[in-house]
Amino acid sequence: MFLAIAVLLIHPQLANTLPLSADKAAMHATPAIAVTASAMNFEDSEPTATASFDAAAEPEVGMNETLPDAPVPMPLTSPAPMAFLKSGKPMTVTVDQLRAENRRKELMWKGLVLASSGAATFDAWSTRHVITTAGAQELNPLLKPFAGNASLYAAIQIGPALMDFAGKKMMYSRHSWVRRMWWVPQSASFVSSMFCGSHNLAYH
């Protein structure tokens, strides 16, 4: 009888003790489980972070290895200042300038034609004068057959005419130095005729 009453009295206390101990065990187990789980998560995440850091570091090494060398600076050579270079003559010539130059040369050529022809006429007249007045003789073998009559005036014009033709051809030569010397034949004819005529007048 007392044993049954003792069991009944103890049974609720055991029932209350057991749930409390189970709750306490669960409360103590929960932090342990949480700590274990967090430790596992930390251990699992640590290789991932390390892997990610390694993966992030590897491309830098690869990029540093594949980057080309820095370009070597080359010395800059500045061109010569063109402002101080002055050309003596213009490089281009207009059509009007060519026509004006051609007209000027034509006028000079015609003037030399008249001068050389006039000088040859003076030479012929002086020759005829000394032959008729002083008994002189023509020493030029080419003009000697014409020295006795007035045909000497026509014959003596052959030389200046040839010089005029030569000057005209030289004026349009392909060589620049020949074009610059086109006036020399006519001038030589003029000077020689004037010298011969003056020599004839000095003869007594």
C-alpha atoms as a PDB file:
ATOM      1  CA  MET A   1       0.000   0.000   0.000  1.00  0.00           C
ATOM      2  CA  PHE A   2       2.695   2.460   0.956  1.00  0.00           C
ATOM      3  CA  LEU A   3       4.721   1.221  -2.028  1.00  0.00           C
ATOM      4  CA  ALA A   4       1.899   2.001  -4.412  1.00  0.00           C
ATOM      5  CA  ILE A   5       1.420   5.473  -2.898  1.00  0.00           C
ATOM      6  CA  ALA A   6       5.160   6.092  -3.146  1.00  0.00           C
ATOM      7  CA  VAL A   7       5.198   5.100  -6.803  1.00  0.00           C
ATOM      8  CA  LEU A   8       2.262   7.375  -7.521  1.00  0.00           C
ATOM      9  CA  LEU A   9       3.943  10.243  -5.761  1.00  0.00           C
ATOM     10  CA  ILE A  10       7.301   9.669  -7.404  1.00  0.00           C
ATOM     11  CA  HIS A  11       5.927   9.069 -10.889  1.00  0.00           C
ATOM     12  CA  PRO A  12       4.858  12.704 -11.553  1.00  0.00           C
ATOM     13  CA  GLN A  13       8.178  13.929 -10.305  1.00  0.00           C
ATOM     14  CA  LEU A  14       9.988  11.545 -12.672  1.00  0.00           C
ATOM     15  CA  ALA A  15       7.716  12.618 -15.467  1.00  0.00           C
ATOM     16  CA  ASN A  16       8.530  16.262 -14.767  1.00  0.00           C
ATOM     17  CA  THR A  17      12.216  15.493 -14.375  1.00  0.00           C
ATOM     18  CA  LEU A  18      12.533  13.553 -17.575  1.00  0.00           C
ATOM     19  CA  PRO A  19      11.035  16.229 -19.842  1.00  0.00           C
ATOM     20  CA  LEU A  20      13.110  18.877 -18.110  1.00  0.00           C
ATOM     21  CA  SER A  21      16.268  16.850 -18.550  1.00  0.00           C
ATOM     22  CA  ALA A  22      15.348  16.171 -22.180  1.00  0.00           C
ATOM     23  CA  ASP A  23      14.762  19.902 -22.756  1.00  0.00           C
ATOM     24  CA  LYS A  24      18.041  20.693 -21.054  1.00  0.00           C
ATOM     25  CA  ALA A  25      19.812  18.123 -23.145  1.00  0.00           C
ATOM     26  CA  ALA A  26      18.230  19.566 -26.273  1.00  0.00           C
ATOM     27  CA  MET A  27      19.213  23.097 -25.259  1.00  0.00           C
ATOM     28  CA  HIS A  28      22.749  21.992 -24.571  1.00  0.00           C
ATOM     29  CA  ALA A  29      22.853  19.977 -27.776  1.00  0.00           C
ATOM     30  CA  THR A  30      21.593  22.825 -29.981  1.00  0.00           C
ATOM     31  CA  PRO A  31      24.575  25.110 -29.383  1.00  0.00           C
ATOM     32  CA  ALA A  32      26.915  22.186 -29.815  1.00  0.00           C
ATOM     33  CA  ILE A  33      25.245  21.307 -33.106  1.00  0.00           C
ATOM     34  CA  ALA A  34      25.345  24.960 -34.182  1.00  0.00           C
ATOM     35  CA  VAL A  35      29.037  25.242 -33.272  1.00  0.00           C
ATOM     36  CA  THR A  36      29.768  22.010 -35.100  1.00  0.00           C
ATOM     37  CA  ALA A  37      27.786  23.131 -38.130  1.00  0.00           C
ATOM     38  CA  SER A  38      29.486  26.526 -38.168  1.00  0.00           C
ATOM     39  CA  ALA A  39      32.862  24.851 -37.846  1.00  0.00           C
ATOM     40  CA  MET A  40      32.006  22.584 -40.739  1.00  0.00           C
ATOM     41  CA  ASN A  41      30.785  25.513 -42.796  1.00  0.00           C
ATOM     42  CA  PHE A  42      33.969  27.453 -42.004  1.00  0.00           C
ATOM     43  CA  GLU A  43      36.102  24.459 -42.968  1.00  0.00           C
ATOM     44  CA  ASP A  44      34.105  23.974 -46.163  1.00  0.00           C
ATOM     45  CA  SER A  45      34.259  27.652 -47.061  1.00  0.00           C
ATOM     46  CA  GLU A  46      37.962  27.981 -46.341  1.00  0.00           C
ATOM     47  CA  PRO A  47      39.140  25.919 -49.308  1.00  0.00           C
ATOM     48  CA  THR A  48      36.654  27.747 -51.518  1.00  0.00           C
ATOM     49  CA  ALA A  49      37.999  31.117 -50.459  1.00  0.00           C
ATOM     50  CA  THR A  50      41.543  29.876 -50.876  1.00  0.00           C
ATOM     51  CA  ALA A  51      40.687  28.485 -54.263  1.00  0.00           C
ATOM     52  CA  SER A  52      39.076  31.715 -55.291  1.00  0.00           C
ATOM     53  CA  PHE A  53      42.093  33.688 -54.078  1.00  0.00           C
ATOM     54  CA  ASP A  54      44.394  31.335 -55.915  1.00  0.00           C
ATOM     55  CA  ALA A  55      42.251  31.564 -59.019  1.00  0.00           C
ATOM     56  CA  ALA A  56      42.285  35.344 -58.783  1.00  0.00           C
ATOM     57  CA  ALA A  57      46.031  35.403 -58.288  1.00  0.00           C
ATOM     58  CA  GLU A  58      46.859  33.028 -61.129  1.00  0.00           C
ATOM     59  CA  PRO A  59      45.588  35.240 -64.008  1.00  0.00           C
ATOM     60  CA  GLU A  60      47.747  38.092 -62.724  1.00  0.00           C
ATOM     61  CA  VAL A  61      50.810  35.888 -62.926  1.00  0.00           C
ATOM     62  CA  GLY A  62      49.784  34.726 -66.379  1.00  0.00           C
ATOM     63  CA  MET A  63      49.066  38.257 -67.522  1.00  0.00           C
ATOM     64  CA  ASN A  64      52.402  39.471 -66.217  1.00  0.00           C
ATOM     65  CA  GLU A  65      54.142  36.690 -68.113  1.00  0.00           C
ATOM     66  CA  THR A  66      52.325  37.372 -71.410  1.00  0.00           C
ATOM     67  CA  LEU A  67      52.506  41.185 -71.328  1.00  0.00           C
ATOM     68  CA  PRO A  68      54.906  42.585 -73.967  1.00  0.00           C
ATOM     69  CA  ASP A  69      57.882  44.694 -73.066  1.00  0.00           C
ATOM     70  CA  ALA A  70      57.416  48.422 -72.713  1.00  0.00           C
ATOM     71  CA  PRO A  71      58.186  50.326 -75.961  1.00  0.00           C
ATOM     72  CA  VAL A  72      61.618  51.867 -76.116  1.00  0.00           C
ATOM     73  CA  PRO A  73      61.419  55.657 -76.658  1.00  0.00           C
ATOM     74  CA  MET A  74      62.960  56.667 -79.997  1.00  0.00           C
ATOM     75  CA  PRO A  75      64.786  59.990 -80.421  1.00  0.00           C
ATOM     76  CA  LEU A  76      62.718  62.532 -82.287  1.00  0.00           C
ATOM     77  CA  THR A  77      64.413  64.214 -85.244  1.00  0.00           C
ATOM     78  CA  SER A  78      62.930  67.579 -85.991  1.00  0.00           C
ATOM     79  CA  PRO A  79      62.978  68.609 -89.674  1.00  0.00           C
ATOM     80  CA  ALA A  80      64.997  71.571 -90.777  1.00  0.00           C
ATOM     81  CA  PRO A  81      63.095  74.837 -90.439  1.00  0.00           C
ATOM     82  CA  MET A  82      61.691  75.613 -93.850  1.00  0.00           C
ATOM     83  CA  ALA A  83      61.043  79.241 -92.978  1.00  0.00           C
ATOM     84  CA  PHE A  84      64.741  80.104 -93.388  1.00  0.00           C
ATOM     85  CA  LEU A  85      65.096  78.331 -96.742  1.00  0.00           C
ATOM     86  CA  LYS A  86      64.378  80.830 -99.499  1.00  0.00           C
ATOM     87  CA  SER A  87      64.404  79.788-103.121  1.00  0.00           C
ATOM     88  CA  GLY A  88      66.072  82.158-105.533  1.00  0.00           C
ATOM     89  CA  LYS A  89      63.542  81.596-108.315  1.00  0.00           C
ATOM     90  CA  PRO A  90      59.984  80.266-108.333  1.00  0.00           C
ATOM     91  CA  MET A  91      59.654  76.612-109.221  1.00  0.00           C
ATOM     92  CA  THR A  92      56.700  77.094-111.580  1.00  0.00           C
ATOM     93  CA  VAL A  93      56.302  79.330-114.620  1.00  0.00           C
ATOM     94  CA  THR A  94      52.958  80.444-115.978  1.00  0.00           C
ATOM     95  CA  VAL A  95      51.990  80.488-119.652  1.00  0.00           C
ATOM     96  CA  ASP A  96      51.855  84.283-119.662  1.00  0.00           C
ATOM     97  CA  GLN A  97      55.412  84.452-118.382  1.00  0.00           C
ATOM     98  CA  LEU A  98      56.581  82.067-121.110  1.00  0.00           C
ATOM     99  CA  ARG A  99      54.846  84.139-123.789  1.00  0.00           C
ATOM    100  CA  ALA A 100      56.343  87.369-122.455  1.00  0.00           C
ATOM    101  CA  GLU A 101      59.816  85.815-122.422  1.00  0.00           C
ATOM    102  CA  ASN A 102      59.341  84.550-125.972  1.00  0.00           C
ATOM    103  CA  ARG A 103      58.239  88.003-127.191  1.00  0.00           C
ATOM    104  CA  ARG A 104      61.246  89.610-125.530  1.00  0.00           C
ATOM    105  CA  LYS A 105      63.620  87.167-127.209  1.00  0.00           C
ATOM    106  CA  GLU A 106      61.943  87.696-130.580  1.00  0.00           C
ATOM    107  CA  LEU A 107      62.370  91.475-130.265  1.00  0.00           C
ATOM    108  CA  MET A 108      66.020  91.071-129.323  1.00  0.00           C
ATOM    109  CA  TRP A 109      66.575  88.694-132.239  1.00  0.00           C
ATOM    110  CA  LYS A 110      65.037  91.120-134.722  1.00  0.00           C
ATOM    111  CA  GLY A 111      67.123  93.947-133.304  1.00  0.00           C
ATOM    112  CA  LEU A 112      70.287  91.885-133.728  1.00  0.00           C
ATOM    113  CA  VAL A 113      69.229  91.011-137.301  1.00  0.00           C
ATOM    114  CA  LEU A 114      69.032  94.708-138.168  1.00  0.00           C
ATOM    115  CA  ALA A 115      72.272  95.484-136.349  1.00  0.00           C
ATOM    116  CA  SER A 116      74.301  92.690-137.974  1.00  0.00           C
ATOM    117  CA  SER A 117      72.843  93.427-141.423  1.00  0.00           C
ATOM    118  CA  GLY A 118      73.583  97.135-141.042  1.00  0.00           C
ATOM    119  CA  ALA A 119      77.140  96.390-139.883  1.00  0.00           C
ATOM    120  CA  ALA A 120      77.641  94.121-142.943  1.00  0.00           C
ATOM    121  CA  THR A 121      76.352  96.892-145.214  1.00  0.00           C
ATOM    122  CA  PHE A 122      78.815  99.305-143.572  1.00  0.00           C
ATOM    123  CA  ASP A 123      81.615  96.785-144.186  1.00  0.00           C
ATOM    124  CA  ALA A 124      80.643  96.490-147.877  1.00  0.00           C
ATOM    125  CA  TRP A 125      80.466 100.254-148.351  1.00  0.00           C
ATOM    126  CA  SER A 126      83.863 100.847-146.698  1.00  0.00           C
ATOM    127  CA  THR A 127      85.383  98.073-148.798  1.00  0.00           C
ATOM    128  CA  ARG A 128      84.041  99.575-152.038  1.00  0.00           C
ATOM    129  CA  HIS A 129      85.216 103.003-150.922  1.00  0.00           C
ATOM    130  CA  VAL A 130      88.842 102.044-150.302  1.00  0.00           C
ATOM    131  CA  ILE A 131      88.964  99.936-153.480  1.00  0.00           C
ATOM    132  CA  THR A 132      87.764 102.798-155.669  1.00  0.00           C
ATOM    133  CA  THR A 133      89.588 105.629-153.901  1.00  0.00           C
ATOM    134  CA  ALA A 134      92.770 104.113-152.534  1.00  0.00           C
ATOM    135  CA  GLY A 135      93.316 101.133-154.838  1.00  0.00           C
ATOM    136  CA  ALA A 136      92.913  98.606-152.036  1.00  0.00           C
ATOM    137  CA  GLN A 137      92.144  94.934-152.630  1.00  0.00           C
ATOM    138  CA  GLU A 138      89.676  92.550-150.961  1.00  0.00           C
ATOM    139  CA  LEU A 139      91.592  89.931-148.954  1.00  0.00           C
ATOM    140  CA  ASN A 140      88.606  87.674-148.198  1.00  0.00           C
ATOM    141  CA  PRO A 141      88.651  84.920-150.886  1.00  0.00           C
ATOM    142  CA  LEU A 142      84.890  84.398-150.596  1.00  0.00           C
ATOM    143  CA  LEU A 143      84.094  88.082-151.251  1.00  0.00           C
ATOM    144  CA  LYS A 144      86.916  88.869-153.693  1.00  0.00           C
ATOM    145  CA  PRO A 145      84.884  87.935-156.831  1.00  0.00           C
ATOM    146  CA  PHE A 146      82.184  90.455-155.785  1.00  0.00           C
ATOM    147  CA  ALA A 147      84.488  93.270-154.666  1.00  0.00           C
ATOM    148  CA  GLY A 148      84.720  94.923-158.106  1.00  0.00           C
ATOM    149  CA  ASN A 149      81.010  95.815-158.384  1.00  0.00           C
ATOM    150  CA  ALA A 150      77.894  96.562-156.323  1.00  0.00           C
ATOM    151  CA  SER A 151      77.066  92.860-155.946  1.00  0.00           C
ATOM    152  CA  LEU A 152      79.286  92.994-152.882  1.00  0.00           C
ATOM    153  CA  TYR A 153      76.376  94.496-150.913  1.00  0.00           C
ATOM    154  CA  ALA A 154      74.263  91.395-151.498  1.00  0.00           C
ATOM    155  CA  ALA A 155      77.074  88.866-151.114  1.00  0.00           C
ATOM    156  CA  ILE A 156      78.236  90.280-147.814  1.00  0.00           C
ATOM    157  CA  GLN A 157      74.782  89.690-146.294  1.00  0.00           C
ATOM    158  CA  ILE A 158      75.156  85.885-146.513  1.00  0.00           C
ATOM    159  CA  GLY A 159      77.286  85.692-143.378  1.00  0.00           C
ATOM    160  CA  PRO A 160      74.923  87.710-141.151  1.00  0.00           C
ATOM    161  CA  ALA A 161      71.942  85.738-142.516  1.00  0.00           C
ATOM    162  CA  LEU A 162      73.605  82.469-141.492  1.00  0.00           C
ATOM    163  CA  MET A 163      74.314  83.885-138.037  1.00  0.00           C
ATOM    164  CA  ASP A 164      70.676  84.978-137.716  1.00  0.00           C
ATOM    165  CA  PHE A 165      69.508  81.468-138.581  1.00  0.00           C
ATOM    166  CA  ALA A 166      71.916  79.914-136.079  1.00  0.00           C
ATOM    167  CA  GLY A 167      70.713  82.277-133.352  1.00  0.00           C
ATOM    168  CA  LYS A 168      67.093  81.355-134.071  1.00  0.00           C
ATOM    169  CA  LYS A 169      67.827  77.648-133.815  1.00  0.00           C
ATOM    170  CA  MET A 170      69.769  78.095-130.600  1.00  0.00           C
ATOM    171  CA  MET A 171      66.884  80.041-129.067  1.00  0.00           C
ATOM    172  CA  TYR A 172      64.668  76.894-129.171  1.00  0.00           C
ATOM    173  CA  SER A 173      67.333  74.295-128.427  1.00  0.00           C
ATOM    174  CA  ARG A 174      66.710  71.396-126.051  1.00  0.00           C
ATOM    175  CA  HIS A 175      69.810  72.283-124.033  1.00  0.00           C
ATOM    176  CA  SER A 176      69.437  75.084-121.538  1.00  0.00           C
ATOM    177  CA  TRP A 177      72.982  76.390-121.925  1.00  0.00           C
ATOM    178  CA  VAL A 178      72.489  76.691-125.705  1.00  0.00           C
ATOM    179  CA  ARG A 179      69.248  78.616-125.187  1.00  0.00           C
ATOM    180  CA  ARG A 180      71.075  81.043-122.931  1.00  0.00           C
ATOM    181  CA  MET A 181      73.762  81.654-125.607  1.00  0.00           C
ATOM    182  CA  TRP A 182      71.478  82.203-128.615  1.00  0.00           C
ATOM    183  CA  TRP A 183      72.581  85.848-129.068  1.00  0.00           C
ATOM    184  CA  VAL A 184      76.308  85.041-129.475  1.00  0.00           C
ATOM    185  CA  PRO A 185      76.373  84.325-133.276  1.00  0.00           C
ATOM    186  CA  GLN A 186      74.567  87.546-134.230  1.00  0.00           C
ATOM    187  CA  SER A 187      76.658  89.579-131.831  1.00  0.00           C
ATOM    188  CA  ALA A 188      79.856  88.086-133.265  1.00  0.00           C
ATOM    189  CA  SER A 189      78.710  88.927-136.784  1.00  0.00           C
ATOM    190  CA  PHE A 190      77.929  92.497-135.780  1.00  0.00           C
ATOM    191  CA  VAL A 191      81.286  93.007-134.032  1.00  0.00           C
ATOM    192  CA  SER A 192      83.318  91.480-136.901  1.00  0.00           C
ATOM    193  CA  SER A 193      81.556  93.596-139.546  1.00  0.00           C
ATOM    194  CA  MET A 194      82.064  96.780-137.531  1.00  0.00           C
ATOM    195  CA  PHE A 195      85.742  95.946-137.020  1.00  0.00           C
ATOM    196  CA  CYS A 196      86.294  95.282-140.733  1.00  0.00           C
ATOM    197  CA  GLY A 197      84.508  98.491-141.748  1.00  0.00           C
ATOM    198  CA  SER A 198      86.541 100.585-139.269  1.00  0.00           C
ATOM    199  CA  HIS A 199      89.747  98.930-140.541  1.00  0.00           C
ATOM    200  CA  ASN A 200      88.790  99.799-144.132  1.00  0.00           C
ATOM    201  CA  LEU A 201      88.256 103.453-143.261  1.00  0.00           C
ATOM    202  CA  ALA A 202      91.655 103.561-141.570  1.00  0.00           C
ATOM    203  CA  TYR A 203      93.384 102.315-144.714  1.00  0.00           C
ATOM    204  CA  HIS A 204      95.123 105.019-146.783  1.00  0.00           C
END
